[in-house]
């Protein structure tokens, strides 16, 4: 029991020390992105490092370093780590951190959130970044208010398959929708005929009209791919 307590006591500070070390390294790497500081990345990346950027491009060490250039004229910004987790397994450490980017683009403020997963490897008593995968955390778009008459045009029952229907209706002045038989959720408008569900920014309901302007269907769009729901009589 004494040995176990001692092991836990020793592991705690060690884990904290490693988190402090790697977090500082990661923040320095993020700080180097805007000015395109390749030197720091060259010193930190392992020789066989793999980097997957937020657009899904898979790059080896050389390709990533080549892509690292200063922000263009009129753009400035910074990225800050907002949460950080690390787990060590021998000479490897697995990291997950969330980041917030603030950017000024020709006088307009932009905000983005990222989730990064990384593998660090201890080489000759120095931690090297062996792999990194950047994931964009999508935010809901701004919602606009549409006239009540427009909202009423979306109301109805839609079918994607004989056993799969979607209901859209107005409840207490609010447009709601969902799969038939399931709880309905508020539908918000990004623009006319393009709706979304709060907290589900990967999805859009894109309504389709006929030549007379009557709503005939909607496409449930996710990552550029559509499932068509046809409006029932």
Protein backbone atom coordinates (compact mmCIF):
# COMPACT_ATOMS: atom_id res chain seq x y z
CA UNK A 1 0.00 0.00 0.00
CA UNK A 2 2.84 2.39 0.89
CA UNK A 3 4.51 1.62 -2.43
CA UNK A 4 1.27 2.34 -4.30
CA UNK A 5 0.80 5.67 -2.56
CA UNK A 6 4.38 6.60 -3.32
CA UNK A 7 3.96 5.67 -6.98
CA UNK A 8 0.85 7.82 -7.30
CA UNK A 9 2.54 10.73 -5.55
CA UNK A 10 5.48 10.55 -7.90
CA UNK A 11 3.34 10.10 -11.03
CA UNK A 12 1.26 13.21 -10.33
CA UNK A 13 4.02 15.83 -10.45
CA UNK A 14 5.70 13.99 -13.34
CA UNK A 15 2.51 14.09 -15.40
CA UNK A 16 1.99 17.74 -14.52
CA UNK A 17 5.56 18.56 -15.51
CA UNK A 18 5.15 16.81 -18.86
CA UNK A 19 1.88 18.64 -19.54
CA UNK A 20 3.54 21.95 -18.73
CA UNK A 21 6.46 21.15 -21.02
CA UNK A 22 4.42 19.99 -24.00
CA UNK A 23 1.80 22.70 -23.62
CA UNK A 24 4.53 25.34 -23.74
CA UNK A 25 5.98 23.70 -26.85
CA UNK A 26 2.57 23.56 -28.52
CA UNK A 27 1.76 27.18 -27.72
CA UNK A 28 5.11 28.25 -29.14
CA UNK A 29 4.36 26.31 -32.33
CA UNK A 30 0.95 27.99 -32.62
CA UNK A 31 2.56 31.39 -32.08
CA UNK A 32 4.93 30.61 -34.96
CA UNK A 33 2.14 30.02 -37.51
CA UNK A 34 1.10 33.63 -38.19
CA UNK A 35 4.67 34.86 -38.88
CA UNK A 36 5.50 31.64 -40.74
CA UNK A 37 8.40 30.77 -38.42
CA UNK A 38 9.72 27.56 -39.97
CA UNK A 39 12.78 27.44 -37.73
CA UNK A 40 10.87 26.54 -34.59
CA UNK A 41 8.85 23.89 -36.40
CA UNK A 42 12.01 22.43 -37.97
CA UNK A 43 13.56 22.05 -34.53
CA UNK A 44 10.43 20.48 -33.04
CA UNK A 45 9.15 18.12 -35.75
CA UNK A 46 10.43 14.56 -35.83
CA UNK A 47 12.19 13.56 -39.05
CA UNK A 48 9.29 11.27 -40.02
CA UNK A 49 6.54 13.62 -38.83
CA UNK A 50 3.10 13.61 -40.47
CA UNK A 51 0.82 16.66 -40.36
CA UNK A 52 -2.86 16.64 -41.35
CA UNK A 53 -4.24 20.16 -41.71
CA UNK A 54 -7.79 21.43 -41.21
CA UNK A 55 -8.60 20.88 -44.90
CA UNK A 56 -7.62 17.21 -44.76
CA UNK A 57 -4.29 17.59 -46.59
CA UNK A 58 -1.80 14.92 -45.44
CA UNK A 59 1.77 16.24 -45.47
CA UNK A 60 5.14 14.88 -44.52
CA UNK A 61 7.64 17.05 -42.68
CA UNK A 62 9.06 18.69 -45.80
CA UNK A 63 5.68 19.43 -47.36
CA UNK A 64 4.34 20.97 -44.16
CA UNK A 65 7.37 23.18 -43.66
CA UNK A 66 7.05 24.37 -47.25
CA UNK A 67 3.39 25.29 -46.63
CA UNK A 68 4.25 27.35 -43.56
CA UNK A 69 4.32 30.97 -44.76
CA UNK A 70 3.44 34.30 -43.08
CA UNK A 71 -0.15 35.49 -43.16
CA UNK A 72 -0.86 37.61 -46.25
CA UNK A 73 -1.02 41.40 -46.24
CA UNK A 74 -4.09 42.67 -44.40
CA UNK A 75 -4.34 39.61 -42.17
CA UNK A 76 -3.10 39.17 -38.61
CA UNK A 77 -4.01 36.87 -35.80
CA UNK A 78 -3.15 34.61 -32.92
CA UNK A 79 -4.07 31.13 -31.71
CA UNK A 80 -4.36 30.31 -28.00
CA UNK A 81 -4.72 26.92 -26.34
CA UNK A 82 -7.89 26.79 -24.26
CA UNK A 83 -7.72 23.21 -22.95
CA UNK A 84 -4.98 20.59 -22.88
CA UNK A 85 -4.76 16.88 -22.05
CA UNK A 86 -1.76 14.57 -22.21
CA UNK A 87 -1.24 10.86 -21.59
CA UNK A 88 2.22 9.34 -21.51
CA UNK A 89 2.98 5.78 -22.57
CA UNK A 90 6.69 5.09 -22.27
CA UNK A 91 8.60 7.30 -24.68
CA UNK A 92 5.39 8.50 -26.37
CA UNK A 93 2.84 11.09 -25.29
CA UNK A 94 -0.64 11.51 -26.74
CA UNK A 95 -2.07 15.01 -26.63
CA UNK A 96 -5.49 16.53 -27.27
CA UNK A 97 -5.85 20.29 -27.14
CA UNK A 98 -8.52 22.82 -28.08
CA UNK A 99 -7.54 26.16 -29.56
CA UNK A 100 -9.17 29.49 -30.28
CA UNK A 101 -8.02 31.65 -33.18
CA UNK A 102 -8.67 35.39 -33.38
CA UNK A 103 -7.89 36.93 -36.75
CA UNK A 104 -8.22 40.39 -38.24
CA UNK A 105 -8.83 40.27 -41.97
CA UNK A 106 -8.63 43.73 -43.55
CA UNK A 107 -10.24 45.27 -40.48
CA UNK A 108 -12.87 42.56 -39.92
CA UNK A 109 -12.70 40.26 -36.90
CA UNK A 110 -12.85 36.49 -37.44
CA UNK A 111 -13.05 33.68 -34.90
CA UNK A 112 -12.30 29.97 -35.31
CA UNK A 113 -12.02 26.96 -33.02
CA UNK A 114 -9.80 23.93 -33.53
CA UNK A 115 -9.28 20.52 -31.97
CA UNK A 116 -5.80 19.01 -32.35
CA UNK A 117 -4.64 15.47 -31.63
CA UNK A 118 -0.90 14.86 -31.49
CA UNK A 119 1.72 12.21 -30.84
CA UNK A 120 4.98 13.31 -29.25
CA UNK A 121 8.03 11.05 -29.08
CA UNK A 122 11.00 11.27 -26.72
CA UNK A 123 14.18 11.22 -28.81
CA UNK A 124 17.59 11.64 -27.15
CA UNK A 125 15.96 13.25 -24.10
CA UNK A 126 13.99 15.73 -26.22
CA UNK A 127 10.30 15.63 -27.07
CA UNK A 128 9.65 15.70 -30.82
CA UNK A 129 6.28 16.12 -32.53
CA UNK A 130 5.70 12.95 -34.56
CA UNK A 131 2.16 13.55 -35.79
CA UNK A 132 -0.56 16.18 -35.64
CA UNK A 133 -4.13 16.23 -36.89
CA UNK A 134 -6.08 19.50 -36.96
CA UNK A 135 -9.88 19.41 -36.85
CA UNK A 136 -12.09 22.47 -37.31
CA UNK A 137 -14.81 22.78 -34.67
CA UNK A 138 -17.68 24.30 -36.61
CA UNK A 139 -19.82 27.03 -35.08
CA UNK A 140 -23.46 27.76 -35.79
CA UNK A 141 -23.95 30.49 -38.40
CA UNK A 142 -25.76 33.71 -37.47
CA UNK A 143 -29.52 33.26 -37.61
CA UNK A 144 -31.82 35.66 -39.45
CA UNK A 145 -35.51 36.25 -38.89
CA UNK A 146 -37.86 35.30 -41.71
CA UNK A 147 -41.46 36.50 -42.19
CA UNK A 148 -44.14 34.28 -40.69
CA UNK A 149 -45.57 33.69 -44.16
CA UNK A 150 -42.24 32.28 -45.34
CA UNK A 151 -41.99 29.97 -42.33
CA UNK A 152 -45.50 28.68 -43.05
CA UNK A 153 -44.37 27.63 -46.54
CA UNK A 154 -41.90 25.15 -45.03
CA UNK A 155 -44.49 23.47 -42.80
CA UNK A 156 -45.53 19.98 -43.79
CA UNK A 157 -44.49 16.33 -43.88
CA UNK A 158 -41.55 15.19 -45.97
CA UNK A 159 -40.44 11.71 -46.96
CA UNK A 160 -36.96 10.34 -47.70
CA UNK A 161 -38.12 6.70 -47.79
CA UNK A 162 -41.44 4.91 -47.21
CA UNK A 163 -40.49 4.33 -43.58
CA UNK A 164 -38.70 7.65 -42.98
CA UNK A 165 -40.57 10.94 -42.68
CA UNK A 166 -39.69 14.41 -41.41
CA UNK A 167 -42.15 16.86 -39.86
CA UNK A 168 -41.89 20.65 -40.05
CA UNK A 169 -44.45 22.80 -38.25
CA UNK A 170 -44.91 26.03 -36.35
CA UNK A 171 -45.33 25.84 -32.58
CA UNK A 172 -45.96 29.05 -30.62
CA UNK A 173 -44.60 31.09 -33.51
CA UNK A 174 -41.39 29.02 -33.76
CA UNK A 175 -40.54 26.75 -36.68
CA UNK A 176 -39.60 23.27 -35.45
CA UNK A 177 -38.70 20.06 -37.21
CA UNK A 178 -37.51 16.50 -36.76
CA UNK A 179 -37.93 12.90 -37.82
CA UNK A 180 -41.53 11.81 -37.35
CA UNK A 181 -42.00 10.23 -33.92
CA UNK A 182 -38.93 11.92 -32.42
CA UNK A 183 -38.78 15.18 -30.45
CA UNK A 184 -38.91 18.28 -32.65
CA UNK A 185 -36.22 20.96 -32.43
CA UNK A 186 -36.24 24.65 -33.41
CA UNK A 187 -35.21 25.32 -37.01
CA UNK A 188 -33.25 28.52 -37.52
CA UNK A 189 -32.68 30.35 -40.80
CA UNK A 190 -29.23 31.08 -42.15
CA UNK A 191 -30.83 32.72 -45.21
CA UNK A 192 -34.19 32.24 -46.88
CA UNK A 193 -34.72 28.54 -47.76
CA UNK A 194 -31.58 27.44 -45.85
CA UNK A 195 -32.28 26.30 -42.29
CA UNK A 196 -30.18 24.71 -39.56
CA UNK A 197 -30.51 23.11 -36.15
CA UNK A 198 -28.78 24.80 -33.23
CA UNK A 199 -25.66 22.91 -32.23
CA UNK A 200 -25.52 20.94 -35.49
CA UNK A 201 -23.54 23.23 -37.82
CA UNK A 202 -22.53 20.34 -40.09
CA UNK A 203 -26.11 20.06 -41.36
CA UNK A 204 -28.33 22.31 -43.47
CA UNK A 205 -31.91 21.95 -44.66
CA UNK A 206 -31.92 23.45 -48.17
CA UNK A 207 -35.50 23.87 -49.38
CA UNK A 208 -36.31 23.44 -53.06
CA UNK A 209 -39.12 25.14 -54.96
CA UNK A 210 -40.90 24.49 -58.24
CA UNK A 211 -41.34 26.98 -61.07
CA UNK A 212 -44.22 28.65 -59.25
CA UNK A 213 -42.19 29.13 -56.06
CA UNK A 214 -43.94 26.39 -54.10
CA UNK A 215 -41.82 24.35 -51.68
CA UNK A 216 -41.55 20.81 -53.05
CA UNK A 217 -38.69 19.24 -51.04
CA UNK A 218 -35.63 19.90 -48.98
CA UNK A 219 -32.11 18.53 -49.19
CA UNK A 220 -30.57 17.52 -45.88
CA UNK A 221 -26.99 18.54 -46.67
CA UNK A 222 -23.97 17.35 -44.70
CA UNK A 223 -20.38 17.83 -45.90
CA UNK A 224 -21.66 18.64 -49.39
CA UNK A 225 -23.79 15.51 -49.76
CA UNK A 226 -27.58 15.57 -49.88
CA UNK A 227 -30.42 13.34 -48.76
CA UNK A 228 -33.62 14.48 -50.50
CA UNK A 229 -36.87 14.69 -48.56
CA UNK A 230 -39.92 15.17 -50.80
CA UNK A 231 -42.93 17.07 -49.47
CA UNK A 232 -46.05 14.94 -49.10
CA UNK A 233 -49.45 16.22 -50.30
